[in-house]
């Protein structure tokens, strides 16, 4: 498989002062047009997916804009105006209701015709718990348990409707095969979920689920995101993730091209330089990872350079390929469309 190219399009960029260098006034950040224009530019360039970071509360750093549109809403807004690029929002796993998360992401997959994904992320900001009236979760073991439960429930809800559950037989008045819709009966340490989902199984069957190395159990996700302060650290993290059972491994990079100021240290590899240097770095990483997710320091300065010089060079070299129109995100990433858990159990039982 060729190198998968992803780009993070939250806010104005990874640099806290990026809003000062934006190509529009601060009030334009919170508009659908700005989101749509940036995603369209990334799609036209040939990126495989765009991601959208999120939190319940806006960052508001350095006196910049303090607003933020919900990540799933941003992804859903551009779903109808795009045709090939994957749309991958961040949704927290610590306090969000898994039932609602499942419904939101299923709807995104329908709106995008099978191009939805999900970055499952732990909520570590204590203000999130306070805003939701929830007891704060701080212990690493409890954060991990909440994440495991949330991903498990969301995935099981996507499977609670089998693919042929919807009949739509107008002649007989039968629209649903109730034997193909299943209860979950999930019982966790902090909540239980009966199910089934209120949205039929999404077009991909299962959206592409991303998790961060060191946090997420690789067996629960399709893509593990790895990072490190140096290229060598990132490669080592990728090797560990593969050894731990990761299906796909994507590296995280901060990029500042041309005059863009580098973002403060984030724990990710930081590249500051010209397009040729970044292409060389991505050629190096291509031997060790399945894809990358780039975090521009200043979106309005770095995205045009990526679109004009970096992505075309990778496409010409055959290192990366454009997504094919009509393909799902799973298909683009070389992932099979899985059968439902309940169908798999039934097939296993019948074969005995």
Protein backbone atom coordinates (compact mmCIF):
# COMPACT_ATOMS: atom_id res chain seq x y z
CA UNK A 1 0.00 0.00 0.00
CA UNK A 2 1.22 3.51 -0.76
CA UNK A 3 1.90 6.09 1.95
CA UNK A 4 -1.40 7.44 3.33
CA UNK A 5 -1.44 11.22 3.64
CA UNK A 6 -3.53 12.84 6.35
CA UNK A 7 -3.75 16.44 7.51
CA UNK A 8 -5.06 18.00 10.71
CA UNK A 9 -7.29 21.01 9.99
CA UNK A 10 -8.41 22.14 13.44
CA UNK A 11 -8.35 25.87 14.10
CA UNK A 12 -5.66 27.97 12.45
CA UNK A 13 -2.81 25.52 12.98
CA UNK A 14 -0.57 23.92 15.58
CA UNK A 15 1.18 27.20 16.47
CA UNK A 16 -0.68 29.10 19.22
CA UNK A 17 -0.18 32.39 17.33
CA UNK A 18 -1.29 30.97 13.99
CA UNK A 19 -4.48 33.04 14.10
CA UNK A 20 -2.36 36.18 13.70
CA UNK A 21 -1.07 34.87 10.34
CA UNK A 22 -4.39 33.57 9.00
CA UNK A 23 -5.61 34.73 5.60
CA UNK A 24 -8.86 35.98 7.13
CA UNK A 25 -10.08 37.91 10.16
CA UNK A 26 -10.48 35.92 13.40
CA UNK A 27 -14.26 35.93 13.17
CA UNK A 28 -14.10 34.02 9.88
CA UNK A 29 -12.59 30.96 11.56
CA UNK A 30 -15.98 29.92 12.92
CA UNK A 31 -17.69 29.77 9.55
CA UNK A 32 -18.62 26.85 7.36
CA UNK A 33 -16.99 28.50 4.35
CA UNK A 34 -13.55 28.48 5.98
CA UNK A 35 -13.85 24.81 6.93
CA UNK A 36 -15.16 23.86 3.48
CA UNK A 37 -12.47 25.79 1.61
CA UNK A 38 -9.65 24.15 3.56
CA UNK A 39 -11.01 20.64 3.22
CA UNK A 40 -11.58 21.22 -0.50
CA UNK A 41 -7.97 22.36 -0.88
CA UNK A 42 -6.74 19.23 0.92
CA UNK A 43 -8.95 16.98 -1.21
CA UNK A 44 -7.88 18.63 -4.46
CA UNK A 45 -4.24 18.22 -3.44
CA UNK A 46 -4.69 14.47 -3.02
CA UNK A 47 -4.75 13.97 0.75
CA UNK A 48 -6.31 10.69 1.89
CA UNK A 49 -8.03 12.11 4.94
CA UNK A 50 -8.52 15.27 6.97
CA UNK A 51 -8.85 15.14 10.74
CA UNK A 52 -10.49 17.60 13.12
CA UNK A 53 -9.28 17.91 16.70
CA UNK A 54 -11.82 18.67 19.38
CA UNK A 55 -12.56 19.28 23.03
CA UNK A 56 -15.64 20.36 24.89
CA UNK A 57 -14.05 23.71 25.65
CA UNK A 58 -12.20 25.93 23.12
CA UNK A 59 -8.45 26.44 23.48
CA UNK A 60 -8.50 30.27 23.67
CA UNK A 61 -4.69 30.39 23.89
CA UNK A 62 -2.67 33.59 23.54
CA UNK A 63 -5.68 35.85 23.28
CA UNK A 64 -6.77 34.16 20.04
CA UNK A 65 -10.25 33.07 18.99
CA UNK A 66 -11.99 31.23 21.82
CA UNK A 67 -14.64 29.48 19.75
CA UNK A 68 -14.58 26.02 18.24
CA UNK A 69 -17.13 24.15 16.17
CA UNK A 70 -17.72 20.55 17.23
CA UNK A 71 -15.44 18.21 15.26
CA UNK A 72 -18.19 15.85 14.11
CA UNK A 73 -20.29 18.79 12.93
CA UNK A 74 -17.38 20.15 10.91
CA UNK A 75 -16.81 16.77 9.28
CA UNK A 76 -20.50 16.31 8.54
CA UNK A 77 -20.79 19.83 7.10
CA UNK A 78 -18.18 19.14 4.41
CA UNK A 79 -19.33 15.56 3.73
CA UNK A 80 -21.74 16.57 0.97
CA UNK A 81 -19.25 18.92 -0.72
CA UNK A 82 -16.42 16.37 -0.94
CA UNK A 83 -16.10 13.10 -2.81
CA UNK A 84 -12.81 11.33 -2.06
CA UNK A 85 -11.21 12.61 1.14
CA UNK A 86 -11.79 10.77 4.42
CA UNK A 87 -13.27 12.80 7.27
CA UNK A 88 -11.96 11.87 10.70
CA UNK A 89 -13.09 13.81 13.80
CA UNK A 90 -11.81 13.42 17.33
CA UNK A 91 -14.45 12.30 19.84
CA UNK A 92 -13.55 11.81 23.50
CA UNK A 93 -13.99 8.47 25.22
CA UNK A 94 -13.90 9.49 28.88
CA UNK A 95 -17.16 11.39 29.36
CA UNK A 96 -19.08 11.26 26.06
CA UNK A 97 -22.01 8.84 25.91
CA UNK A 98 -20.96 5.94 23.61
CA UNK A 99 -24.53 5.58 22.35
CA UNK A 100 -24.53 9.17 21.10
CA UNK A 101 -21.00 8.81 19.71
CA UNK A 102 -22.08 5.78 17.72
CA UNK A 103 -25.11 7.59 16.27
CA UNK A 104 -23.13 10.72 15.36
CA UNK A 105 -20.41 8.78 13.60
CA UNK A 106 -22.83 6.49 11.78
CA UNK A 107 -24.63 9.57 10.47
CA UNK A 108 -21.30 11.04 9.34
CA UNK A 109 -20.57 7.83 7.44
CA UNK A 110 -23.93 8.03 5.67
CA UNK A 111 -23.45 11.72 4.85
CA UNK A 112 -19.98 11.08 3.41
CA UNK A 113 -20.98 7.86 1.61
CA UNK A 114 -18.53 5.73 3.56
CA UNK A 115 -15.63 8.12 4.19
CA UNK A 116 -15.99 8.51 7.94
CA UNK A 117 -13.43 7.78 10.63
CA UNK A 118 -12.99 8.34 14.36
CA UNK A 119 -9.98 9.31 16.46
CA UNK A 120 -10.78 7.94 19.91
CA UNK A 121 -9.11 10.19 22.47
CA UNK A 122 -9.02 10.36 26.24
CA UNK A 123 -10.32 13.52 27.95
CA UNK A 124 -7.68 14.74 30.39
CA UNK A 125 -8.85 18.34 30.90
CA UNK A 126 -10.61 18.52 34.31
CA UNK A 127 -12.85 21.31 33.01
CA UNK A 128 -14.56 18.82 30.69
CA UNK A 129 -15.76 16.72 33.61
CA UNK A 130 -16.91 19.86 35.44
CA UNK A 131 -18.83 21.15 32.44
CA UNK A 132 -20.68 17.84 32.10
CA UNK A 133 -21.33 17.44 35.80
CA UNK A 134 -19.29 14.24 35.91
CA UNK A 135 -16.77 13.03 38.45
CA UNK A 136 -13.28 13.63 37.13
CA UNK A 137 -11.40 10.55 35.91
CA UNK A 138 -7.67 10.87 36.55
CA UNK A 139 -6.20 7.44 37.25
CA UNK A 140 -4.48 6.00 34.15
CA UNK A 141 -6.17 2.63 34.68
CA UNK A 142 -9.61 4.28 34.84
CA UNK A 143 -8.94 6.38 31.71
CA UNK A 144 -7.88 3.21 29.90
CA UNK A 145 -10.99 1.34 31.07
CA UNK A 146 -13.30 4.16 29.92
CA UNK A 147 -11.57 4.14 26.53
CA UNK A 148 -11.83 0.37 26.12
CA UNK A 149 -15.49 0.38 27.10
CA UNK A 150 -16.35 3.30 24.82
CA UNK A 151 -14.69 1.81 21.74
CA UNK A 152 -16.21 -1.61 22.44
CA UNK A 153 -19.72 -0.22 22.84
CA UNK A 154 -19.52 2.02 19.77
CA UNK A 155 -18.27 -0.84 17.62
CA UNK A 156 -20.92 -3.22 18.94
CA UNK A 157 -23.64 -0.65 18.28
CA UNK A 158 -22.47 -0.34 14.66
CA UNK A 159 -22.87 -4.13 14.48
CA UNK A 160 -26.27 -4.24 16.21
CA UNK A 161 -28.00 -3.86 12.85
CA UNK A 162 -27.04 -6.53 10.34
CA UNK A 163 -26.60 -5.41 6.74
CA UNK A 164 -29.89 -6.94 5.61
CA UNK A 165 -31.95 -5.78 8.59
CA UNK A 166 -33.71 -3.08 6.55
CA UNK A 167 -36.22 -4.73 4.16
CA UNK A 168 -38.24 -1.86 2.65
CA UNK A 169 -40.90 -4.21 1.27
CA UNK A 170 -43.68 -1.75 0.50
CA UNK A 171 -46.00 -4.44 -0.86
CA UNK A 172 -46.13 -6.33 2.44
CA UNK A 173 -45.54 -3.35 4.72
CA UNK A 174 -42.40 -4.97 6.20
CA UNK A 175 -39.52 -2.55 6.59
CA UNK A 176 -37.39 -4.21 9.22
CA UNK A 177 -36.32 -7.77 10.00
CA UNK A 178 -36.34 -7.76 13.79
CA UNK A 179 -34.26 -10.94 13.88
CA UNK A 180 -31.42 -8.96 12.29
CA UNK A 181 -31.43 -6.22 14.97
CA UNK A 182 -29.69 -7.15 18.21
CA UNK A 183 -29.43 -6.08 21.82
CA UNK A 184 -25.93 -5.57 23.22
CA UNK A 185 -26.52 -6.07 26.94
CA UNK A 186 -23.18 -4.40 27.68
CA UNK A 187 -22.39 -4.06 31.37
CA UNK A 188 -19.31 -2.03 32.24
CA UNK A 189 -17.94 -0.76 35.53
CA UNK A 190 -19.53 2.70 35.20
CA UNK A 191 -22.45 2.25 32.81
CA UNK A 192 -24.50 -0.26 30.87
CA UNK A 193 -25.87 -0.15 27.33
CA UNK A 194 -28.80 -2.23 26.14
CA UNK A 195 -28.97 -1.13 22.51
CA UNK A 196 -29.62 -1.63 19.68
CA UNK A 197 -28.48 1.46 17.77
CA UNK A 198 -31.06 3.91 16.42
CA UNK A 199 -29.16 4.26 13.13
CA UNK A 200 -28.79 1.30 10.72
CA UNK A 201 -25.33 -0.13 10.20
CA UNK A 202 -23.07 2.49 8.57
CA UNK A 203 -22.00 2.09 4.91
CA UNK A 204 -18.51 0.91 5.88
CA UNK A 205 -19.92 -1.53 8.41
CA UNK A 206 -17.33 -0.21 10.83
CA UNK A 207 -15.89 3.29 10.48
CA UNK A 208 -12.09 3.45 10.54
CA UNK A 209 -11.08 3.84 14.19
CA UNK A 210 -7.81 5.56 15.11
CA UNK A 211 -6.08 5.38 18.50
CA UNK A 212 -2.88 6.76 19.96
CA UNK A 213 0.09 4.50 20.70
CA UNK A 214 0.60 4.02 24.41
CA UNK A 215 -3.05 4.76 25.15
CA UNK A 216 -5.23 2.56 22.99
CA UNK A 217 -5.24 -1.23 22.78
CA UNK A 218 -4.17 -1.92 19.15
CA UNK A 219 -6.69 -4.77 18.92
CA UNK A 220 -9.55 -2.27 19.29
CA UNK A 221 -8.58 0.07 16.46
CA UNK A 222 -7.68 0.00 12.77
CA UNK A 223 -4.95 2.66 12.86
CA UNK A 224 -2.42 3.40 15.60
CA UNK A 225 -1.00 6.94 15.64
CA UNK A 226 2.64 7.03 16.75
CA UNK A 227 4.81 9.99 17.62
CA UNK A 228 8.15 10.87 19.15
CA UNK A 229 10.39 13.91 19.41
CA UNK A 230 12.77 12.53 16.77
CA UNK A 231 12.43 10.48 13.61
CA UNK A 232 14.29 7.64 15.30
CA UNK A 233 11.88 7.70 18.27
CA UNK A 234 8.92 7.68 15.90
CA UNK A 235 10.28 4.72 13.94
CA UNK A 236 10.89 2.82 17.19
CA UNK A 237 7.30 3.57 18.27
CA UNK A 238 6.06 2.29 14.90
CA UNK A 239 8.01 -0.95 15.30
CA UNK A 240 6.56 -1.46 18.79
CA UNK A 241 3.04 -0.78 17.53
CA UNK A 242 3.42 -3.32 14.73
CA UNK A 243 4.83 -5.87 17.17
CA UNK A 244 1.85 -5.20 19.44
CA UNK A 245 -0.61 -6.15 16.72
CA UNK A 246 -1.39 -2.82 15.06
CA UNK A 247 -2.98 -3.25 11.63
CA UNK A 248 -1.88 0.14 10.29
CA UNK A 249 0.58 2.63 11.81
CA UNK A 250 0.59 6.35 10.97
CA UNK A 251 3.27 8.78 12.13
CA UNK A 252 2.45 12.23 13.52
CA UNK A 253 4.46 15.23 12.27
CA UNK A 254 4.42 18.97 12.97
CA UNK A 255 5.32 20.88 9.81
CA UNK A 256 6.28 24.51 9.23
CA UNK A 257 7.11 25.31 5.63
CA UNK A 258 8.68 28.46 4.25
CA UNK A 259 8.12 31.42 6.54
CA UNK A 260 5.77 29.62 8.93
CA UNK A 261 7.03 29.65 12.54
CA UNK A 262 7.56 26.17 13.99
CA UNK A 263 5.00 25.11 16.59
CA UNK A 264 6.17 24.65 20.21
CA UNK A 265 7.35 21.15 21.15
CA UNK A 266 4.41 18.74 21.16
CA UNK A 267 6.04 15.34 21.46
CA UNK A 268 5.76 14.90 17.69
CA UNK A 269 8.54 15.08 15.11
CA UNK A 270 8.88 18.71 14.11
CA UNK A 271 9.96 19.64 10.59
CA UNK A 272 10.77 23.23 9.64
CA UNK A 273 12.14 23.89 6.17
CA UNK A 274 11.24 23.75 2.51
CA UNK A 275 9.04 21.38 0.55
CA UNK A 276 11.98 19.35 -0.78
CA UNK A 277 13.20 18.61 2.72
CA UNK A 278 9.77 17.45 3.83
CA UNK A 279 9.44 15.18 0.79
CA UNK A 280 12.79 13.61 1.68
CA UNK A 281 11.64 13.06 5.27
CA UNK A 282 8.41 11.43 4.11
CA UNK A 283 10.41 9.18 1.77
CA UNK A 284 12.39 8.04 4.80
CA UNK A 285 9.29 7.39 6.90
CA UNK A 286 7.62 5.50 4.06
CA UNK A 287 9.88 2.53 4.77
CA UNK A 288 8.61 2.27 8.36
CA UNK A 289 4.99 3.46 8.55
CA UNK A 290 1.80 3.07 6.55
CA UNK A 291 0.89 6.74 6.61
CA UNK A 292 1.40 10.15 8.17
CA UNK A 293 -0.79 12.82 9.71
CA UNK A 294 0.64 16.28 9.21
CA UNK A 295 -0.06 19.10 11.67
CA UNK A 296 0.55 22.43 9.88
CA UNK A 297 1.92 25.20 12.07
CA UNK A 298 -0.17 27.76 10.16
CA UNK A 299 -2.87 26.19 8.01
CA UNK A 300 -3.25 29.13 5.62
CA UNK A 301 0.51 29.24 4.97
CA UNK A 302 1.45 25.56 5.04
CA UNK A 303 -1.52 23.96 3.27
CA UNK A 304 -0.89 25.82 -0.03
CA UNK A 305 2.77 24.70 0.00
CA UNK A 306 1.77 21.12 0.78
CA UNK A 307 -0.81 21.19 -2.00
CA UNK A 308 1.48 22.75 -4.61
CA UNK A 309 4.83 21.15 -3.94
CA UNK A 310 4.82 18.31 -1.39
CA UNK A 311 1.84 16.12 -2.30
CA UNK A 312 2.40 16.38 -6.09
CA UNK A 313 6.02 15.29 -5.64
CA UNK A 314 4.93 12.23 -3.65
CA UNK A 315 2.26 11.39 -6.23
CA UNK A 316 4.72 11.66 -9.13
CA UNK A 317 7.18 9.41 -7.31
CA UNK A 318 4.50 6.79 -6.71
CA UNK A 319 4.98 7.03 -2.95
CA UNK A 320 1.39 8.20 -2.45
CA UNK A 321 -1.77 7.85 -4.52
CA UNK A 322 -4.98 9.83 -4.74
CA UNK A 323 -8.09 8.23 -3.26
CA UNK A 324 -10.34 6.79 -5.96
CA UNK A 325 -13.75 8.49 -6.30
CA UNK A 326 -16.49 6.27 -4.94
CA UNK A 327 -14.17 4.40 -2.58
CA UNK A 328 -14.80 4.18 1.15
CA UNK A 329 -12.11 5.20 3.60
CA UNK A 330 -11.73 1.55 4.60
CA UNK A 331 -11.26 0.61 0.95
CA UNK A 332 -8.69 3.35 0.40
CA UNK A 333 -6.72 2.09 3.41
CA UNK A 334 -6.89 -1.52 2.21
CA UNK A 335 -9.18 -2.61 5.05
CA UNK A 336 -11.92 -5.17 4.44
CA UNK A 337 -15.54 -4.41 5.22
CA UNK A 338 -16.21 -6.71 8.20
CA UNK A 339 -19.33 -8.77 8.79
CA UNK A 340 -21.24 -7.92 11.95
CA UNK A 341 -20.22 -9.54 15.20
CA UNK A 342 -23.63 -11.19 15.47
CA UNK A 343 -23.47 -12.58 11.94
CA UNK A 344 -19.99 -13.92 12.60
CA UNK A 345 -21.23 -15.63 15.77
CA UNK A 346 -24.16 -17.14 13.87
CA UNK A 347 -21.92 -18.43 11.08
CA UNK A 348 -19.51 -19.91 13.60
CA UNK A 349 -22.36 -21.65 15.41
CA UNK A 350 -23.84 -23.07 12.20
CA UNK A 351 -20.48 -24.49 11.11
CA UNK A 352 -20.08 -26.58 14.25
